[in-house]
Structure formats: structure tokens, C-alpha cells
């Protein structure tokens, strides 16, 4: 594995302190948005214990029915109690659909993948729950649409059950 400087490790440690239930919900929400709207993973995410927000580039603003469907699907996935697992892969032998676009150039050849059942897989160094039921309940707090940016921001929290 390539060596890392102190700045890289600091970034990794900061990310590693993310609240595992919300961080795991971030993975589910990314894949839910991809499946519902054909978009890319979020381009901006701020995930915390009390409230989180993620932004997606979409072709059009989702309506209220679609917003409710996001929340419904998220809670359905949580209730399915999907296992969360980790695996190592090399940069040159990744599962189909896994992108390294957001990894630092010096990330090395060994890549840690996080897999949530057969629903999502992506590179990630953060902490996660062992199964989706440990997330609790997903609550959509609100959304914002920026017409000029074609950007849809989702604000949410996870509530322990």
C-alpha cells in the first residue's frame, strides 16, 4: 500500500469519527437516489449525529410524492436488516460499478469496499453499523432545490429505535 502523509491520516481519522448509523444511512441514500433518479452519488455530504445533508445533481426537481418515496424506501431497507460487510480489493480488480473517482490519487492499490447486502458497494474508510436495522429510523427533514445548479439537497436524521 502506498505511504500516506500526516494530512491524509488526519483526514481519515476525522472521517472515521462519523456517527456509524448516519454514515451507513448515507450509503443507502446514495444508492436509493441512483436507483430512483439515475444520478451519481452525492457530490456534497455532511453527515452528523443530529442532522445530515447530502446534495445530488438531478435532471429535475423531485415532487412531494417522490420525496415521500425516498423516505419509505430508506426505512424499508433499514427494516430488511441487510448485513454490512467489508472487503479488500485492488484498484485494478473492482466489482462492476465501483468508481474510484473520489479517492485521493495516493490512495494506494488496496481499496476497502463497504458492501450493504446486495444493495450497495463502494470504497469507504468510515465506521458503519453491522446491519441496517441498527440505523434505527430514517426521517426526511426537508429538501431544497437549486434550479440553476440542478441540485437537490436532502436533509435527514436517523433516530435510534
N, C-alpha and C. Protein backbone atom coordinates (compact mmCIF):
# COMPACT_ATOMS: atom_id res chain seq x y z
N UNK A 1 0.85 -1.17 0.00
CA UNK A 1 0.00 0.00 0.00
C UNK A 1 0.89 1.23 0.00
N UNK A 2 0.51 2.24 -0.74
CA UNK A 2 1.30 3.45 -0.82
C UNK A 2 1.36 4.14 0.54
N UNK A 3 2.45 4.84 0.78
CA UNK A 3 2.58 5.55 2.05
C UNK A 3 1.67 6.78 2.03
N UNK A 4 1.32 7.23 3.22
CA UNK A 4 0.44 8.39 3.34
C UNK A 4 1.12 9.42 4.23
N UNK A 5 0.86 10.67 3.95
CA UNK A 5 1.43 11.69 4.82
C UNK A 5 0.47 11.98 5.97
N UNK A 6 0.91 12.78 6.94
CA UNK A 6 0.10 13.05 8.13
C UNK A 6 -1.24 13.70 7.80
N UNK A 7 -1.27 14.52 6.77
CA UNK A 7 -2.51 15.18 6.38
C UNK A 7 -3.55 14.15 5.95
N UNK A 8 -3.12 13.15 5.17
CA UNK A 8 -4.04 12.12 4.73
C UNK A 8 -4.59 11.34 5.93
N UNK A 9 -3.72 10.97 6.85
CA UNK A 9 -4.17 10.21 8.02
C UNK A 9 -5.12 11.04 8.86
N UNK A 10 -4.84 12.34 8.98
CA UNK A 10 -5.75 13.21 9.74
C UNK A 10 -7.14 13.22 9.12
N UNK A 11 -7.20 13.29 7.80
CA UNK A 11 -8.48 13.26 7.12
C UNK A 11 -9.18 11.93 7.38
N UNK A 12 -8.42 10.85 7.34
CA UNK A 12 -9.01 9.54 7.56
C UNK A 12 -9.53 9.42 8.99
N UNK A 13 -8.78 9.91 9.95
CA UNK A 13 -9.23 9.83 11.34
C UNK A 13 -10.49 10.67 11.55
N UNK A 14 -10.54 11.86 10.95
CA UNK A 14 -11.72 12.70 11.08
C UNK A 14 -12.95 12.00 10.51
N UNK A 15 -12.82 11.41 9.32
CA UNK A 15 -13.92 10.70 8.68
C UNK A 15 -14.33 9.50 9.53
N UNK A 16 -13.34 8.88 10.17
CA UNK A 16 -13.61 7.68 10.94
C UNK A 16 -14.45 7.97 12.17
N UNK A 17 -14.56 9.23 12.59
CA UNK A 17 -15.34 9.56 13.77
C UNK A 17 -16.82 9.79 13.44
N UNK A 18 -17.19 9.65 12.18
CA UNK A 18 -18.59 9.84 11.79
C UNK A 18 -19.49 8.90 12.58
N UNK A 19 -20.71 9.33 12.83
CA UNK A 19 -21.71 8.54 13.55
C UNK A 19 -22.10 7.35 12.68
N UNK A 20 -21.74 6.11 13.06
CA UNK A 20 -21.94 4.94 12.19
C UNK A 20 -23.36 4.76 11.66
N UNK A 21 -24.44 4.94 12.45
CA UNK A 21 -25.77 4.77 11.86
C UNK A 21 -26.05 5.77 10.72
N UNK A 22 -25.70 7.03 10.93
CA UNK A 22 -25.94 8.04 9.88
C UNK A 22 -25.01 7.81 8.69
N UNK A 23 -23.78 7.40 8.97
CA UNK A 23 -22.85 7.16 7.88
C UNK A 23 -23.32 5.98 7.01
N UNK A 24 -23.85 4.95 7.63
CA UNK A 24 -24.37 3.81 6.87
C UNK A 24 -25.62 4.23 6.09
N UNK A 25 -26.45 5.07 6.71
CA UNK A 25 -27.63 5.60 6.01
C UNK A 25 -27.19 6.41 4.78
N UNK A 26 -26.06 7.08 4.87
CA UNK A 26 -25.53 7.83 3.73
C UNK A 26 -25.32 6.90 2.54
N UNK A 27 -24.76 5.73 2.78
CA UNK A 27 -24.56 4.75 1.70
C UNK A 27 -25.90 4.33 1.09
N UNK A 28 -26.88 4.04 1.95
CA UNK A 28 -28.20 3.62 1.46
C UNK A 28 -28.87 4.73 0.65
N UNK A 29 -28.77 5.96 1.15
CA UNK A 29 -29.40 7.08 0.45
C UNK A 29 -28.73 7.31 -0.91
N UNK A 30 -27.42 7.20 -0.97
CA UNK A 30 -26.74 7.33 -2.26
C UNK A 30 -27.30 6.35 -3.27
N UNK A 31 -27.39 5.09 -2.89
CA UNK A 31 -27.86 4.06 -3.83
C UNK A 31 -29.35 4.23 -4.15
N UNK A 32 -30.12 4.66 -3.17
CA UNK A 32 -31.55 4.90 -3.40
C UNK A 32 -31.73 6.00 -4.44
N UNK A 33 -30.96 7.07 -4.32
CA UNK A 33 -31.05 8.17 -5.29
C UNK A 33 -30.60 7.72 -6.68
N UNK A 34 -29.55 6.93 -6.73
CA UNK A 34 -29.08 6.39 -8.02
C UNK A 34 -30.19 5.59 -8.67
N UNK A 35 -30.83 4.72 -7.90
CA UNK A 35 -31.88 3.85 -8.45
C UNK A 35 -33.15 4.60 -8.82
N UNK A 36 -33.50 5.60 -8.02
CA UNK A 36 -34.73 6.34 -8.30
C UNK A 36 -34.57 7.37 -9.41
N UNK A 37 -33.41 8.02 -9.47
CA UNK A 37 -33.26 9.17 -10.37
C UNK A 37 -32.15 9.03 -11.41
N UNK A 38 -31.41 7.92 -11.37
CA UNK A 38 -30.35 7.72 -12.35
C UNK A 38 -29.22 8.72 -12.22
N UNK A 39 -28.99 9.23 -11.02
CA UNK A 39 -27.95 10.23 -10.79
C UNK A 39 -26.67 9.56 -10.30
N UNK A 40 -25.66 10.36 -10.05
CA UNK A 40 -24.41 9.91 -9.44
C UNK A 40 -24.57 9.95 -7.92
N UNK A 41 -23.60 9.39 -7.21
CA UNK A 41 -23.56 9.52 -5.76
C UNK A 41 -23.50 11.00 -5.41
N UNK A 42 -23.82 11.34 -4.19
CA UNK A 42 -23.86 12.75 -3.78
C UNK A 42 -22.52 13.43 -4.04
N UNK A 43 -22.59 14.69 -4.40
CA UNK A 43 -21.37 15.44 -4.64
C UNK A 43 -20.96 16.24 -3.41
N UNK A 44 -21.84 16.30 -2.41
CA UNK A 44 -21.56 17.03 -1.19
C UNK A 44 -22.36 16.38 -0.07
N UNK A 45 -21.66 15.94 0.96
CA UNK A 45 -22.36 15.31 2.08
C UNK A 45 -21.76 15.81 3.39
N UNK A 46 -22.63 16.05 4.34
CA UNK A 46 -22.24 16.44 5.69
C UNK A 46 -23.08 15.56 6.62
N UNK A 47 -22.45 14.55 7.19
CA UNK A 47 -23.17 13.54 7.97
C UNK A 47 -22.79 13.67 9.44
N UNK A 48 -23.80 13.87 10.28
CA UNK A 48 -23.59 14.02 11.71
C UNK A 48 -24.67 13.27 12.50
N UNK A 49 -24.45 13.22 13.79
CA UNK A 49 -25.38 12.54 14.68
C UNK A 49 -26.76 13.21 14.70
N UNK A 50 -26.81 14.54 14.81
CA UNK A 50 -28.09 15.24 14.97
C UNK A 50 -28.82 15.47 13.66
N UNK A 51 -28.08 15.84 12.61
CA UNK A 51 -28.72 16.14 11.34
C UNK A 51 -27.67 16.00 10.24
N UNK A 52 -28.08 15.47 9.11
CA UNK A 52 -27.18 15.27 7.98
C UNK A 52 -27.79 15.88 6.74
N UNK A 53 -26.93 16.16 5.76
CA UNK A 53 -27.42 16.66 4.48
C UNK A 53 -26.53 16.13 3.37
N UNK A 54 -27.18 15.86 2.25
CA UNK A 54 -26.50 15.35 1.07
C UNK A 54 -27.09 16.04 -0.15
N UNK A 55 -26.23 16.34 -1.12
CA UNK A 55 -26.67 17.03 -2.34
C UNK A 55 -26.39 16.18 -3.56
N UNK A 56 -27.36 16.19 -4.49
CA UNK A 56 -27.29 15.39 -5.71
C UNK A 56 -27.60 16.26 -6.91
N UNK A 57 -26.90 16.02 -8.00
CA UNK A 57 -27.26 16.67 -9.26
C UNK A 57 -28.33 15.81 -9.93
N UNK A 58 -29.49 16.42 -10.20
CA UNK A 58 -30.61 15.72 -10.82
C UNK A 58 -31.07 16.49 -12.06
N UNK A 59 -31.75 15.80 -12.95
CA UNK A 59 -32.26 16.46 -14.15
C UNK A 59 -33.48 17.33 -13.87
N UNK A 60 -34.24 16.98 -12.81
CA UNK A 60 -35.39 17.80 -12.45
C UNK A 60 -35.69 17.65 -10.96
N UNK A 61 -36.43 18.59 -10.44
CA UNK A 61 -36.79 18.60 -9.03
C UNK A 61 -37.77 17.47 -8.73
N UNK A 62 -37.48 16.63 -7.74
CA UNK A 62 -38.44 15.61 -7.34
C UNK A 62 -39.70 16.25 -6.74
N UNK A 63 -40.84 15.62 -6.97
CA UNK A 63 -42.07 16.13 -6.38
C UNK A 63 -42.25 15.54 -4.98
N UNK A 64 -43.28 15.98 -4.28
CA UNK A 64 -43.52 15.54 -2.89
C UNK A 64 -43.72 14.03 -2.80
N UNK A 65 -44.38 13.46 -3.79
CA UNK A 65 -44.60 12.02 -3.80
C UNK A 65 -43.26 11.28 -3.88
N UNK A 66 -42.36 11.76 -4.70
CA UNK A 66 -41.04 11.14 -4.82
C UNK A 66 -40.23 11.32 -3.52
N UNK A 67 -40.37 12.47 -2.89
CA UNK A 67 -39.68 12.69 -1.62
C UNK A 67 -40.17 11.69 -0.56
N UNK A 68 -41.47 11.50 -0.50
CA UNK A 68 -42.03 10.51 0.45
C UNK A 68 -41.54 9.10 0.11
N UNK A 69 -41.38 8.82 -1.18
CA UNK A 69 -40.91 7.51 -1.62
C UNK A 69 -39.45 7.29 -1.20
N UNK A 70 -38.65 8.32 -1.21
CA UNK A 70 -37.26 8.21 -0.73
C UNK A 70 -37.28 7.75 0.72
N UNK A 71 -38.07 8.43 1.55
CA UNK A 71 -38.14 8.09 2.96
C UNK A 71 -38.68 6.67 3.16
N UNK A 72 -39.72 6.32 2.41
CA UNK A 72 -40.31 4.98 2.53
C UNK A 72 -39.28 3.90 2.18
N UNK A 73 -38.58 4.08 1.07
CA UNK A 73 -37.59 3.09 0.65
C UNK A 73 -36.45 2.97 1.66
N UNK A 74 -36.02 4.09 2.18
CA UNK A 74 -34.94 4.06 3.17
C UNK A 74 -35.34 3.24 4.39
N UNK A 75 -36.54 3.47 4.90
CA UNK A 75 -36.98 2.73 6.08
C UNK A 75 -37.24 1.26 5.76
N UNK A 76 -37.66 0.97 4.55
CA UNK A 76 -37.82 -0.42 4.12
C UNK A 76 -36.47 -1.14 4.10
N UNK A 77 -35.45 -0.48 3.57
CA UNK A 77 -34.10 -1.07 3.54
C UNK A 77 -33.57 -1.29 4.95
N UNK A 78 -33.80 -0.33 5.82
CA UNK A 78 -33.35 -0.46 7.21
C UNK A 78 -34.02 -1.67 7.85
N UNK A 79 -35.32 -1.81 7.64
CA UNK A 79 -36.07 -2.93 8.23
C UNK A 79 -35.65 -4.29 7.67
N UNK A 80 -35.11 -4.32 6.46
CA UNK A 80 -34.65 -5.58 5.88
C UNK A 80 -33.44 -6.14 6.62
N UNK A 81 -32.83 -5.33 7.46
CA UNK A 81 -31.68 -5.75 8.27
C UNK A 81 -30.57 -6.33 7.39
N UNK A 82 -30.22 -5.58 6.34
CA UNK A 82 -29.18 -6.02 5.42
C UNK A 82 -27.82 -6.03 6.13
N UNK A 83 -27.01 -7.05 5.90
CA UNK A 83 -25.68 -7.09 6.53
C UNK A 83 -24.76 -6.04 5.91
N UNK A 84 -23.91 -5.47 6.73
CA UNK A 84 -22.89 -4.54 6.27
C UNK A 84 -21.55 -5.25 6.42
N UNK A 85 -20.84 -5.39 5.32
CA UNK A 85 -19.56 -6.11 5.35
C UNK A 85 -18.48 -5.31 4.66
N UNK A 86 -17.26 -5.73 4.87
CA UNK A 86 -16.09 -5.06 4.33
C UNK A 86 -15.26 -6.07 3.58
N UNK A 87 -14.65 -5.62 2.51
CA UNK A 87 -13.74 -6.48 1.76
C UNK A 87 -12.65 -5.61 1.17
N UNK A 88 -11.55 -6.23 0.89
CA UNK A 88 -10.45 -5.53 0.25
C UNK A 88 -10.39 -5.94 -1.21
N UNK A 89 -10.08 -4.97 -2.04
CA UNK A 89 -9.90 -5.22 -3.47
C UNK A 89 -8.72 -4.39 -3.93
N UNK A 90 -8.19 -4.73 -5.06
CA UNK A 90 -7.13 -3.90 -5.60
C UNK A 90 -7.75 -2.90 -6.56
N UNK A 91 -7.07 -1.83 -6.74
CA UNK A 91 -7.52 -0.75 -7.62
C UNK A 91 -7.89 -1.27 -9.00
N UNK A 92 -7.21 -2.31 -9.45
CA UNK A 92 -7.39 -2.81 -10.81
C UNK A 92 -8.36 -3.99 -10.90
N UNK A 93 -8.90 -4.42 -9.77
CA UNK A 93 -9.86 -5.53 -9.75
C UNK A 93 -11.03 -5.19 -8.83
N UNK A 94 -11.86 -4.30 -9.31
CA UNK A 94 -13.02 -3.84 -8.54
C UNK A 94 -14.31 -4.42 -9.09
N UNK A 95 -15.32 -4.59 -8.25
CA UNK A 95 -16.63 -5.03 -8.75
C UNK A 95 -17.18 -4.02 -9.75
N UNK A 96 -18.01 -4.50 -10.66
CA UNK A 96 -18.64 -3.62 -11.64
C UNK A 96 -19.37 -2.48 -10.94
N UNK A 97 -19.26 -1.31 -11.50
CA UNK A 97 -19.98 -0.16 -10.98
C UNK A 97 -19.28 0.60 -9.86
N UNK A 98 -18.18 0.08 -9.34
CA UNK A 98 -17.46 0.76 -8.27
C UNK A 98 -16.52 1.78 -8.89
N UNK A 99 -16.68 3.02 -8.47
CA UNK A 99 -15.87 4.12 -9.01
C UNK A 99 -14.86 4.59 -7.97
N UNK A 100 -13.69 4.91 -8.44
CA UNK A 100 -12.65 5.44 -7.56
C UNK A 100 -12.47 6.95 -7.77
N UNK A 101 -13.41 7.57 -8.43
CA UNK A 101 -13.31 8.99 -8.78
C UNK A 101 -13.06 9.90 -7.58
N UNK A 102 -13.56 9.54 -6.43
CA UNK A 102 -13.45 10.44 -5.27
C UNK A 102 -12.33 10.08 -4.32
N UNK A 103 -11.56 9.07 -4.66
CA UNK A 103 -10.43 8.71 -3.81
C UNK A 103 -9.25 9.62 -4.11
N UNK A 104 -8.44 9.92 -3.09
CA UNK A 104 -7.23 10.69 -3.35
C UNK A 104 -6.30 9.91 -4.29
N UNK A 105 -5.52 10.62 -5.07
CA UNK A 105 -4.62 10.00 -6.04
C UNK A 105 -3.63 9.04 -5.37
N UNK A 106 -3.26 9.33 -4.13
CA UNK A 106 -2.29 8.48 -3.44
C UNK A 106 -2.95 7.44 -2.54
N UNK A 107 -4.17 7.06 -2.85
CA UNK A 107 -4.90 6.10 -2.00
C UNK A 107 -4.27 4.71 -2.00
N UNK A 108 -3.41 4.42 -2.95
CA UNK A 108 -2.77 3.12 -2.98
C UNK A 108 -3.55 2.12 -3.82
N UNK A 109 -3.03 0.92 -3.90
CA UNK A 109 -3.65 -0.12 -4.71
C UNK A 109 -4.71 -0.92 -3.95
N UNK A 110 -4.58 -1.01 -2.64
CA UNK A 110 -5.54 -1.76 -1.84
C UNK A 110 -6.69 -0.84 -1.44
N UNK A 111 -7.90 -1.23 -1.81
CA UNK A 111 -9.08 -0.41 -1.58
C UNK A 111 -10.05 -1.16 -0.68
N UNK A 112 -10.50 -0.50 0.39
CA UNK A 112 -11.50 -1.08 1.29
C UNK A 112 -12.88 -0.77 0.73
N UNK A 113 -13.65 -1.81 0.49
CA UNK A 113 -15.02 -1.67 0.00
C UNK A 113 -16.00 -1.98 1.12
N UNK A 114 -17.06 -1.20 1.17
CA UNK A 114 -18.15 -1.46 2.10
C UNK A 114 -19.32 -1.96 1.27
N UNK A 115 -19.87 -3.09 1.68
CA UNK A 115 -20.99 -3.70 0.97
C UNK A 115 -22.18 -3.77 1.92
N UNK A 116 -23.33 -3.31 1.44
CA UNK A 116 -24.57 -3.40 2.22
C UNK A 116 -25.48 -4.36 1.49
N UNK A 117 -25.53 -5.59 2.01
CA UNK A 117 -26.28 -6.65 1.33
C UNK A 117 -25.89 -6.70 -0.12
N UNK A 118 -26.88 -6.86 -1.00
CA UNK A 118 -26.60 -6.77 -2.43
C UNK A 118 -27.11 -5.44 -2.98
N UNK A 119 -27.30 -4.46 -2.06
CA UNK A 119 -27.87 -3.17 -2.44
C UNK A 119 -26.82 -2.15 -2.86
N UNK A 120 -25.71 -2.09 -2.15
CA UNK A 120 -24.70 -1.06 -2.44
C UNK A 120 -23.31 -1.58 -2.11
N UNK A 121 -22.35 -1.13 -2.90
CA UNK A 121 -20.93 -1.36 -2.61
C UNK A 121 -20.16 -0.15 -3.10
N UNK A 122 -19.27 0.35 -2.24
CA UNK A 122 -18.43 1.49 -2.64
C UNK A 122 -17.21 1.56 -1.73
N UNK A 123 -16.16 2.24 -2.22
CA UNK A 123 -14.97 2.43 -1.39
C UNK A 123 -15.30 3.33 -0.21
N UNK A 124 -14.80 2.98 0.98
CA UNK A 124 -15.06 3.81 2.15
C UNK A 124 -14.14 3.38 3.29
N UNK A 125 -13.68 4.36 4.05
CA UNK A 125 -12.83 4.07 5.20
C UNK A 125 -13.54 4.30 6.52
N UNK A 126 -14.79 4.76 6.48
CA UNK A 126 -15.52 5.15 7.69
C UNK A 126 -16.03 3.97 8.50
N UNK A 127 -16.61 4.30 9.66
CA UNK A 127 -17.20 3.30 10.54
C UNK A 127 -18.67 3.12 10.17
N UNK A 128 -19.16 1.90 10.30
CA UNK A 128 -20.53 1.56 9.92
C UNK A 128 -21.14 0.64 10.96
N UNK A 129 -22.46 0.53 10.92
CA UNK A 129 -23.15 -0.45 11.76
C UNK A 129 -22.96 -1.84 11.14
N UNK A 130 -23.30 -2.88 11.88
CA UNK A 130 -23.14 -4.25 11.37
C UNK A 130 -24.27 -4.68 10.45
N UNK A 131 -25.45 -4.09 10.65
CA UNK A 131 -26.59 -4.38 9.78
C UNK A 131 -27.51 -3.17 9.78
N UNK A 132 -28.30 -3.05 8.73
CA UNK A 132 -29.08 -1.83 8.55
C UNK A 132 -30.09 -1.56 9.66
N UNK A 133 -30.59 -2.60 10.30
CA UNK A 133 -31.58 -2.38 11.36
C UNK A 133 -30.99 -1.54 12.51
N UNK A 134 -29.67 -1.56 12.65
CA UNK A 134 -29.02 -0.77 13.70
C UNK A 134 -29.04 0.73 13.39
N UNK A 135 -29.43 1.09 12.18
CA UNK A 135 -29.52 2.51 11.84
C UNK A 135 -30.64 3.16 12.63
N UNK A 136 -31.73 2.43 12.84
CA UNK A 136 -32.90 2.99 13.52
C UNK A 136 -33.94 3.39 12.49
N UNK A 137 -34.44 4.59 12.59
CA UNK A 137 -35.48 5.09 11.69
C UNK A 137 -34.91 6.28 10.92
N UNK A 138 -35.16 6.32 9.61
CA UNK A 138 -34.72 7.42 8.75
C UNK A 138 -35.84 8.44 8.66
N UNK A 139 -35.54 9.68 8.99
CA UNK A 139 -36.54 10.75 8.90
C UNK A 139 -36.04 11.83 7.93
N UNK A 140 -36.81 12.05 6.89
CA UNK A 140 -36.51 13.11 5.93
C UNK A 140 -36.97 14.43 6.55
N UNK A 141 -36.03 15.32 6.83
CA UNK A 141 -36.34 16.59 7.49
C UNK A 141 -36.79 17.66 6.51
N UNK A 142 -36.29 17.57 5.30
CA UNK A 142 -36.65 18.57 4.30
C UNK A 142 -35.73 18.47 3.10
N UNK A 143 -36.08 19.22 2.07
CA UNK A 143 -35.29 19.23 0.85
C UNK A 143 -35.20 20.66 0.32
N UNK A 144 -34.22 20.89 -0.52
CA UNK A 144 -34.08 22.16 -1.23
C UNK A 144 -33.71 21.86 -2.66
N UNK A 145 -34.22 22.68 -3.57
CA UNK A 145 -33.90 22.54 -4.98
C UNK A 145 -33.25 23.84 -5.46
N UNK A 146 -32.11 23.72 -6.09
CA UNK A 146 -31.44 24.87 -6.70
C UNK A 146 -31.54 24.69 -8.21
N UNK A 147 -32.44 25.46 -8.81
CA UNK A 147 -32.71 25.32 -10.24
C UNK A 147 -31.48 25.59 -11.10
N UNK A 148 -30.72 26.62 -10.77
CA UNK A 148 -29.56 26.97 -11.59
C UNK A 148 -28.48 25.89 -11.54
N UNK A 149 -28.32 25.25 -10.40
CA UNK A 149 -27.32 24.18 -10.24
C UNK A 149 -27.88 22.80 -10.55
N UNK A 150 -29.21 22.71 -10.68
CA UNK A 150 -29.88 21.41 -10.83
C UNK A 150 -29.47 20.50 -9.66
N UNK A 151 -29.54 21.07 -8.48
CA UNK A 151 -29.07 20.41 -7.27
C UNK A 151 -30.22 20.18 -6.29
N UNK A 152 -30.29 18.98 -5.80
CA UNK A 152 -31.32 18.58 -4.84
C UNK A 152 -30.63 18.21 -3.53
N UNK A 153 -30.91 18.97 -2.48
CA UNK A 153 -30.32 18.70 -1.17
C UNK A 153 -31.35 18.01 -0.30
N UNK A 154 -30.92 16.93 0.33
CA UNK A 154 -31.76 16.16 1.25
C UNK A 154 -31.21 16.34 2.65
N UNK A 155 -32.06 16.77 3.57
CA UNK A 155 -31.70 16.87 4.98
C UNK A 155 -32.43 15.75 5.73
N UNK A 156 -31.68 15.03 6.56
CA UNK A 156 -32.26 13.88 7.25
C UNK A 156 -31.61 13.67 8.60
N UNK A 157 -32.25 12.85 9.40
CA UNK A 157 -31.63 12.36 10.63
C UNK A 157 -32.03 10.90 10.80
N UNK A 158 -31.25 10.21 11.59
CA UNK A 158 -31.60 8.83 11.94
C UNK A 158 -31.90 8.83 13.44
N UNK A 159 -32.94 8.07 13.78
CA UNK A 159 -33.43 8.04 15.16
C UNK A 159 -33.33 6.62 15.66
N UNK A 160 -32.59 6.44 16.76
CA UNK A 160 -32.45 5.12 17.34
C UNK A 160 -33.81 4.58 17.76
N UNK A 161 -34.02 3.31 17.49
CA UNK A 161 -35.31 2.69 17.87
C UNK A 161 -35.11 1.65 18.95
